[in-house]
Amino acid sequence: MSEGLLKIFIKDYKNVKDIKVRENYGIFAGIVGIICNLILFACKFFAGIITGSVSISADAFNNLSDAGSSIVTLAGFKMAGKPADTDHPFGHGRIEYIAGMIVSAVIIVMAIELFKDSVIKIFQPEAMEFSAVSVVILAGSIALKFWMAYFNTSLGKRIDSAAMRATAADSLSDCIATGVVLVSLLITTFTGVNIDGLAGAVVAVFVFMAGIEAAKETVYPLLGQPPEESFVRQLKELVMEDEHIIGIHDLIVHNYGPGRVFVTLHAEVPYTMNLLAAHDIIDIAEHRVAGQLHCGISIHMDPVVNDDKEVEELKEMVLEVIAEIDDRLSIHDFRSTKGPYLTNLIFDLVVPHQYKYTDKEVQDMVHNAIQKKNPKCFAVVTVERSYIK
């Protein structure tokens, strides 16, 4: 069904890398969400009135807040689709994350209000009336919300949207919440024990948890997070396609919103290469990556010595020492300078974030281990952190 709707309402719907197509996905999902949630609100509000159930009414207003969230999502995608300008040279893509964060905040605030009202009803319960119509409405609501969760999950995966994944998570929590309301209505009707207020409180907790999870999905990209391993793997393969590029390091992926990625890295080439030829190879690699991964990229060329047997042996010694200390460590930009008494081994050492040792401690460990291995070598180590997993 979702595929059929996409074919009808979104032109060129398979071209998800296109920013305009992404924008249309967001607008379409927002409109579907507004319509569905307004229908659910109206039906549940009616059911709440005829039964006198606070939990059903609370669930109705939860759907009303979801409709408001869909409006925010729609506006967010529309604004995120604006082209780059003088003040925002990388575009407006991060507005999509901000929209998702607003949706999360609305969900959390609504959950707190629902919880407060439900606690009052626990201590001051009101009589409820059973209605077959209400049972049908609640059951139909669960089915519709399951479809909305599936719909937003599939769209979120298709265009890699944190905002849509947050909406899908909210829809799933709504299924559980409405299920709790339905069970409480049946228990109250057939046992005479009024658990309406308690059910409302449980609903509020589920809504609150959904809001927190949705917030994580949108806040993390804004704070800055490492790129997906699959993206990094594909990126490395594309750069290394040319046999003249013998290694890469200092890879950084800048995320300016879905579909707006900029990459910087250092590519190693033999120092004996003609400078113009090396420049062409790097230039071609940039075009290859940009064309296939649809991202901006800037590659810094690093000439490395790869035909000096003594330097290679020294590098192998350092790699053995590093592996003995911690196999998570790695090095790059290795070079050596020979003096009258000592040979300086100069390299960058990459360590994990939140490493158990300070930079100075790591430097001392490496220096001492190399001195122990070869007293005539002196390690000049620059410690750095990786920007990928």
Protein backbone atom coordinates (compact mmCIF):
# COMPACT_ATOMS: atom_id res chain seq x y z
CA MET A 1 0.00 0.00 0.00
CA SER A 2 2.80 2.43 0.94
CA GLU A 3 4.60 1.77 -2.37
CA GLY A 4 1.39 2.48 -4.28
CA LEU A 5 0.85 5.78 -2.47
CA LEU A 6 4.44 6.84 -3.16
CA LYS A 7 4.03 6.14 -6.89
CA ILE A 8 0.90 8.29 -6.98
CA PHE A 9 2.01 11.29 -4.88
CA ILE A 10 5.81 11.54 -5.31
CA LYS A 11 7.36 12.05 -8.72
CA ASP A 12 10.60 10.10 -9.25
CA TYR A 13 10.09 8.56 -5.79
CA LYS A 14 12.99 6.11 -6.14
CA ASN A 15 15.57 8.89 -6.49
CA VAL A 16 15.88 9.38 -2.71
CA LYS A 17 19.32 11.05 -2.98
CA ASP A 18 17.67 14.06 -4.62
CA ILE A 19 16.99 16.78 -2.03
CA LYS A 20 13.69 17.80 -3.68
CA VAL A 21 12.47 14.18 -3.62
CA ARG A 22 13.40 13.97 0.09
CA GLU A 23 11.41 17.13 0.73
CA ASN A 24 8.38 15.63 -1.03
CA TYR A 25 8.69 12.49 1.09
CA GLY A 26 8.62 14.62 4.24
CA ILE A 27 5.63 16.67 3.07
CA PHE A 28 3.73 13.53 2.07
CA ALA A 29 4.45 11.81 5.40
CA GLY A 30 3.43 14.95 7.28
CA ILE A 31 0.08 15.21 5.46
CA VAL A 32 -0.68 11.51 6.04
CA GLY A 33 0.19 11.93 9.73
CA ILE A 34 -2.03 15.01 10.15
CA ILE A 35 -5.04 13.37 8.51
CA CYS A 36 -4.73 10.06 10.40
CA ASN A 37 -4.13 11.65 13.80
CA LEU A 38 -7.00 14.12 13.46
CA ILE A 39 -9.34 11.23 12.62
CA LEU A 40 -8.07 9.30 15.64
CA PHE A 41 -8.44 12.33 17.91
CA ALA A 42 -12.05 12.91 16.85
CA CYS A 43 -13.02 9.24 17.29
CA LYS A 44 -11.27 8.79 20.65
CA PHE A 45 -12.55 12.09 22.01
CA PHE A 46 -16.08 10.95 21.18
CA ALA A 47 -15.37 7.57 22.86
CA GLY A 48 -14.00 9.35 25.93
CA ILE A 49 -17.14 11.46 26.26
CA ILE A 50 -19.60 8.56 26.01
CA THR A 51 -17.63 6.37 28.45
CA GLY A 52 -16.38 9.07 30.82
CA SER A 53 -12.88 7.55 30.61
CA VAL A 54 -9.92 9.81 31.38
CA SER A 55 -7.49 7.34 29.82
CA ILE A 56 -9.38 7.37 26.49
CA SER A 57 -9.54 11.18 26.55
CA ALA A 58 -5.83 11.30 27.38
CA ASP A 59 -5.11 8.99 24.46
CA ALA A 60 -7.21 11.25 22.22
CA PHE A 61 -5.20 14.34 23.13
CA ASN A 62 -2.04 12.32 22.59
CA ASN A 63 -3.19 11.86 18.98
CA LEU A 64 -3.93 15.57 18.74
CA SER A 65 -0.36 16.33 19.80
CA ASP A 66 0.80 13.81 17.16
CA ALA A 67 -1.11 15.81 14.54
CA GLY A 68 0.71 18.92 15.72
CA SER A 69 3.99 17.03 15.52
CA SER A 70 3.21 16.06 11.93
CA ILE A 71 2.70 19.72 11.10
CA VAL A 72 6.12 20.51 12.59
CA THR A 73 7.69 17.63 10.62
CA LEU A 74 6.08 18.85 7.40
CA ALA A 75 7.32 22.40 7.98
CA GLY A 76 10.77 21.06 8.91
CA PHE A 77 11.15 19.13 5.65
CA LYS A 78 9.91 22.13 3.66
CA MET A 79 12.46 24.45 5.30
CA ALA A 80 15.24 21.84 5.11
CA GLY A 81 14.71 21.68 1.34
CA LYS A 82 15.72 25.32 0.87
CA PRO A 83 18.87 25.62 -1.26
CA ALA A 84 22.19 26.86 0.11
CA ASP A 85 22.65 30.62 0.40
CA THR A 86 25.29 33.12 1.54
CA ASP A 87 24.53 32.65 5.23
CA HIS A 88 24.13 28.85 4.98
CA PRO A 89 26.61 27.60 2.33
CA PHE A 90 25.96 23.95 3.25
CA GLY A 91 22.18 24.28 2.96
CA HIS A 92 19.42 24.05 5.58
CA GLY A 93 19.30 20.27 6.05
CA ARG A 94 19.80 20.33 9.82
CA ILE A 95 16.39 21.99 10.21
CA GLU A 96 15.01 18.47 9.77
CA TYR A 97 16.78 17.46 13.01
CA ILE A 98 15.46 20.57 14.77
CA ALA A 99 11.93 19.70 13.64
CA GLY A 100 12.38 16.21 15.06
CA MET A 101 13.61 17.70 18.33
CA ILE A 102 10.51 19.93 18.57
CA VAL A 103 8.31 16.87 17.96
CA SER A 104 10.14 15.06 20.77
CA ALA A 105 9.66 18.01 23.15
CA VAL A 106 5.92 18.13 22.40
CA ILE A 107 5.63 14.37 23.09
CA ILE A 108 7.47 14.68 26.43
CA VAL A 109 5.42 17.69 27.61
CA MET A 110 2.17 15.94 26.66
CA ALA A 111 3.27 12.82 28.56
CA ILE A 112 3.92 14.83 31.73
CA GLU A 113 0.49 16.50 31.54
CA LEU A 114 -1.23 13.15 30.91
CA PHE A 115 0.55 11.64 33.89
CA LYS A 116 -0.53 14.47 36.21
CA ASP A 117 -4.19 14.15 35.14
CA SER A 118 -4.08 10.36 35.51
CA VAL A 119 -2.64 10.49 39.04
CA ILE A 120 -5.51 12.75 40.07
CA LYS A 121 -7.97 10.19 38.65
CA ILE A 122 -6.29 7.37 40.59
CA PHE A 123 -7.22 9.08 43.87
CA GLN A 124 -10.47 10.61 42.60
CA PRO A 125 -11.93 7.95 40.22
CA GLU A 126 -15.03 8.73 38.19
CA ALA A 127 -17.70 6.28 37.02
CA MET A 128 -17.27 4.81 33.53
CA GLU A 129 -19.83 3.44 31.11
CA PHE A 130 -19.11 0.55 28.77
CA SER A 131 -19.65 1.17 25.06
CA ALA A 132 -19.18 -1.34 22.25
CA VAL A 133 -18.55 1.62 19.92
CA SER A 134 -15.59 2.67 22.08
CA VAL A 135 -14.09 -0.83 21.92
CA VAL A 136 -14.35 -0.80 18.12
CA ILE A 137 -12.80 2.69 17.96
CA LEU A 138 -9.86 1.69 20.18
CA ALA A 139 -9.24 -1.56 18.26
CA GLY A 140 -9.37 0.31 14.95
CA SER A 141 -7.01 2.94 16.37
CA ILE A 142 -4.42 0.27 17.24
CA ALA A 143 -4.59 -1.14 13.70
CA LEU A 144 -4.20 2.31 12.11
CA LYS A 145 -1.27 3.21 14.38
CA PHE A 146 0.48 -0.06 13.51
CA TRP A 147 0.15 0.87 9.85
CA MET A 148 1.48 4.39 10.54
CA ALA A 149 4.47 2.92 12.40
CA TYR A 150 5.21 0.65 9.43
CA PHE A 151 4.65 3.51 6.98
CA ASN A 152 7.02 5.93 8.74
CA THR A 153 9.62 3.22 9.40
CA SER A 154 9.76 2.26 5.72
CA LEU A 155 9.97 5.91 4.64
CA GLY A 156 12.55 6.68 7.32
CA LYS A 157 14.77 3.81 6.11
CA ARG A 158 14.25 4.76 2.48
CA ILE A 159 15.47 8.36 2.90
CA ASP A 160 17.48 7.90 6.14
CA SER A 161 15.36 10.34 8.16
CA ALA A 162 15.73 10.62 11.95
CA ALA A 163 12.50 12.67 12.11
CA MET A 164 10.49 9.89 10.43
CA ARG A 165 12.06 7.22 12.63
CA ALA A 166 11.07 9.30 15.67
CA THR A 167 7.49 9.49 14.36
CA ALA A 168 7.46 5.71 13.79
CA ALA A 169 8.66 5.08 17.36
CA ASP A 170 5.91 7.37 18.65
CA SER A 171 3.30 5.44 16.65
CA LEU A 172 4.46 2.13 18.14
CA SER A 173 4.25 3.55 21.67
CA ASP A 174 0.73 4.77 20.81
CA CYS A 175 -0.23 1.19 19.90
CA ILE A 176 0.87 -0.02 23.32
CA ALA A 177 -0.76 2.94 25.06
CA THR A 178 -4.10 2.43 23.31
CA GLY A 179 -3.88 -1.30 24.05
CA VAL A 180 -3.52 -0.49 27.75
CA VAL A 181 -6.56 1.81 27.56
CA LEU A 182 -8.62 -0.89 25.85
CA VAL A 183 -7.66 -3.52 28.44
CA SER A 184 -8.46 -1.13 31.31
CA LEU A 185 -11.89 -0.39 29.81
CA LEU A 186 -12.68 -4.11 29.60
CA ILE A 187 -11.35 -4.83 33.12
CA THR A 188 -13.36 -1.96 34.62
CA THR A 189 -16.50 -3.09 32.78
CA PHE A 190 -16.36 -6.79 33.69
CA THR A 191 -14.82 -6.66 37.19
CA GLY A 192 -16.10 -3.33 38.50
CA VAL A 193 -12.54 -2.34 39.50
CA ASN A 194 -11.85 1.15 38.15
CA ILE A 195 -8.26 1.22 36.90
CA ASP A 196 -8.85 4.08 34.45
CA GLY A 197 -6.47 6.47 36.23
CA LEU A 198 -3.77 3.80 36.52
CA ALA A 199 -4.12 2.97 32.82
CA GLY A 200 -3.79 6.66 31.99
CA ALA A 201 -0.57 6.84 34.01
CA VAL A 202 0.83 3.80 32.17
CA VAL A 203 -0.06 5.45 28.85
CA ALA A 204 1.76 8.60 29.94
CA VAL A 205 4.90 6.61 30.80
CA PHE A 206 4.93 4.94 27.37
CA VAL A 207 4.45 8.30 25.65
CA PHE A 208 7.26 9.82 27.75
CA MET A 209 9.67 6.99 26.86
CA ALA A 210 8.82 7.39 23.17
CA GLY A 211 9.58 11.11 23.46
CA ILE A 212 12.99 10.43 25.01
CA GLU A 213 13.92 7.90 22.30
CA ALA A 214 12.77 10.30 19.59
CA ALA A 215 14.88 13.07 21.15
CA LYS A 216 17.99 10.86 21.02
CA GLU A 217 17.42 10.21 17.30
CA THR A 218 17.46 13.94 16.54
CA VAL A 219 19.87 15.37 19.14
CA TYR A 220 22.77 13.00 18.39
CA PRO A 221 23.20 14.15 14.74
CA LEU A 222 23.12 17.78 15.90
CA LEU A 223 25.82 17.12 18.49
CA GLY A 224 27.92 15.26 15.92
CA GLN A 225 28.22 11.50 15.64
CA PRO A 226 30.47 9.14 13.66
CA PRO A 227 29.32 8.11 10.18
CA GLU A 228 27.81 4.72 9.43
CA GLU A 229 30.44 1.99 9.05
CA SER A 230 28.95 0.96 5.69
CA PHE A 231 29.42 4.51 4.36
CA VAL A 232 33.05 4.61 5.56
CA ARG A 233 33.77 1.19 4.03
CA GLN A 234 32.29 2.19 0.66
CA LEU A 235 34.13 5.52 0.76
CA LYS A 236 37.49 3.83 1.38
CA GLU A 237 36.90 1.32 -1.41
CA LEU A 238 36.11 4.09 -3.89
CA VAL A 239 39.18 6.15 -2.98
CA MET A 240 41.50 3.11 -3.06
CA GLU A 241 40.26 1.95 -6.48
CA ASP A 242 43.32 3.59 -8.02
CA GLU A 243 46.42 1.46 -7.42
CA HIS A 244 48.58 4.57 -6.97
CA ILE A 245 46.72 5.49 -3.74
CA ILE A 246 48.38 3.25 -1.14
CA GLY A 247 46.58 4.37 2.03
CA ILE A 248 44.20 6.89 3.58
CA HIS A 249 43.93 8.48 7.02
CA ASP A 250 42.52 11.50 8.87
CA LEU A 251 39.05 10.74 7.50
CA ILE A 252 36.38 13.18 8.72
CA VAL A 253 32.72 13.10 7.66
CA HIS A 254 30.80 16.35 8.23
CA ASN A 255 27.01 15.98 8.37
CA TYR A 256 24.99 19.08 7.45
CA GLY A 257 21.69 17.21 7.36
CA PRO A 258 20.39 14.13 5.50
CA GLY A 259 21.78 14.08 1.97
CA ARG A 260 24.24 16.88 2.77
CA VAL A 261 27.54 15.25 3.67
CA PHE A 262 31.05 16.66 3.20
CA VAL A 263 34.15 14.47 3.52
CA THR A 264 37.81 15.34 4.10
CA LEU A 265 40.68 12.84 4.15
CA HIS A 266 44.38 12.37 3.46
CA ALA A 267 45.39 10.00 0.65
CA GLU A 268 48.90 8.56 0.52
CA VAL A 269 50.76 8.35 -2.81
CA PRO A 270 54.38 7.37 -3.52
CA TYR A 271 56.78 10.29 -3.12
CA THR A 272 58.39 9.43 -6.46
CA MET A 273 55.23 10.23 -8.44
CA ASN A 274 55.08 13.16 -10.80
CA LEU A 275 53.29 15.98 -8.99
CA LEU A 276 50.83 16.69 -11.82
CA ALA A 277 50.03 12.99 -12.24
CA ALA A 278 49.42 12.62 -8.49
CA HIS A 279 47.15 15.66 -8.55
CA ASP A 280 45.10 14.15 -11.40
CA ILE A 281 44.74 10.85 -9.52
CA ILE A 282 43.44 12.66 -6.41
CA ASP A 283 41.13 14.80 -8.54
CA ILE A 284 39.65 11.74 -10.25
CA ALA A 285 39.17 10.03 -6.87
CA GLU A 286 37.23 13.08 -5.61
CA HIS A 287 34.92 12.99 -8.65
CA ARG A 288 34.46 9.21 -8.28
CA VAL A 289 33.37 9.51 -4.64
CA ALA A 290 31.18 12.58 -5.20
CA GLY A 291 29.41 10.92 -8.12
CA GLN A 292 28.64 7.62 -6.39
CA LEU A 293 28.08 8.71 -2.77
CA HIS A 294 26.47 12.08 -3.58
CA CYS A 295 28.66 14.02 -1.15
CA GLY A 296 31.18 16.83 -1.22
CA ILE A 297 34.79 15.73 -0.74
CA SER A 298 38.24 17.26 -0.39
CA ILE A 299 41.30 14.98 -0.47
CA HIS A 300 44.72 16.10 0.80
CA MET A 301 47.62 14.41 -0.97
CA ASP A 302 50.30 12.88 1.29
CA PRO A 303 53.54 11.73 -0.40
CA VAL A 304 55.08 8.77 1.46
CA VAL A 305 58.37 6.92 1.13
CA ASN A 306 57.59 3.36 0.03
CA ASP A 307 60.85 2.16 -1.50
CA ASP A 308 63.27 2.53 1.43
CA LYS A 309 63.91 -0.87 2.99
CA GLU A 310 65.33 0.59 6.22
CA VAL A 311 62.32 2.90 6.75
CA GLU A 312 59.93 0.00 6.09
CA GLU A 313 61.73 -2.15 8.66
CA LEU A 314 61.54 0.65 11.24
CA LYS A 315 57.82 1.09 10.53
CA GLU A 316 57.22 -2.65 10.97
CA MET A 317 59.02 -2.50 14.33
CA VAL A 318 56.79 0.37 15.45
CA LEU A 319 53.65 -1.49 14.33
CA GLU A 320 54.71 -4.52 16.40
CA VAL A 321 55.29 -2.32 19.45
CA ILE A 322 51.89 -0.61 19.02
CA ALA A 323 50.10 -3.97 18.67
CA GLU A 324 51.70 -5.23 21.88
CA ILE A 325 50.48 -2.16 23.77
CA ASP A 326 46.89 -2.18 22.42
CA ASP A 327 45.58 -3.63 19.15
CA ARG A 328 43.10 -0.74 18.88
CA LEU A 329 45.93 1.72 18.26
CA SER A 330 47.08 2.64 14.75
CA ILE A 331 49.66 4.93 13.15
CA HIS A 332 50.02 7.01 10.01
CA ASP A 333 52.33 9.61 8.46
CA PHE A 334 55.38 7.57 9.46
CA ARG A 335 58.79 8.96 8.56
CA SER A 336 62.28 8.89 10.01
CA THR A 337 65.26 11.27 10.24
CA LYS A 338 68.71 9.91 10.92
CA GLY A 339 71.08 11.79 13.24
CA PRO A 340 74.67 11.06 14.32
CA TYR A 341 73.54 9.15 17.44
CA LEU A 342 69.75 8.56 17.22
CA THR A 343 67.16 7.91 14.54
CA ASN A 344 63.96 9.88 15.07
CA LEU A 345 60.78 7.92 14.31
CA ILE A 346 58.06 10.49 13.64
CA PHE A 347 54.42 9.43 13.35
CA ASP A 348 50.82 10.14 14.37
CA LEU A 349 49.24 7.69 16.81
CA VAL A 350 45.45 7.23 16.69
CA VAL A 351 43.87 6.22 20.04
CA PRO A 352 40.20 5.55 20.94
CA HIS A 353 38.09 8.28 22.51
CA GLN A 354 37.93 8.20 26.33
CA TYR A 355 41.10 6.11 26.41
CA LYS A 356 42.23 4.92 29.85
CA TYR A 357 45.60 6.69 29.49
CA THR A 358 46.37 10.38 28.94
CA ASP A 359 48.14 11.48 25.78
CA LYS A 360 51.37 11.97 27.76
CA GLU A 361 51.11 8.48 29.27
CA VAL A 362 50.56 6.93 25.83
CA GLN A 363 53.49 8.86 24.38
CA ASP A 364 55.76 7.68 27.21
CA MET A 365 54.60 4.05 26.85
CA VAL A 366 55.30 4.04 23.12
CA HIS A 367 58.62 5.87 23.52
CA ASN A 368 59.86 3.48 26.23
CA ALA A 369 58.72 0.38 24.33
CA ILE A 370 60.53 1.51 21.17
CA GLN A 371 63.68 2.39 23.15
CA LYS A 372 63.58 -1.07 24.69
CA LYS A 373 63.25 -2.64 21.25
CA ASN A 374 65.94 -0.46 19.68
CA PRO A 375 67.93 1.93 21.94
CA LYS A 376 69.11 3.90 18.91
CA CYS A 377 65.53 4.96 18.02
CA PHE A 378 63.69 7.93 19.51
CA ALA A 379 59.89 8.17 19.06
CA VAL A 380 58.34 11.56 18.24
CA VAL A 381 54.63 10.81 18.69
CA THR A 382 51.59 12.99 18.01
CA VAL A 383 48.47 11.54 19.65
CA GLU A 384 45.11 12.08 17.94
CA ARG A 385 41.54 10.71 18.05
CA SER A 386 39.64 9.10 15.20
CA TYR A 387 36.45 10.71 13.84
CA ILE A 388 35.05 7.36 12.71
CA LYS A 389 34.20 4.15 14.59
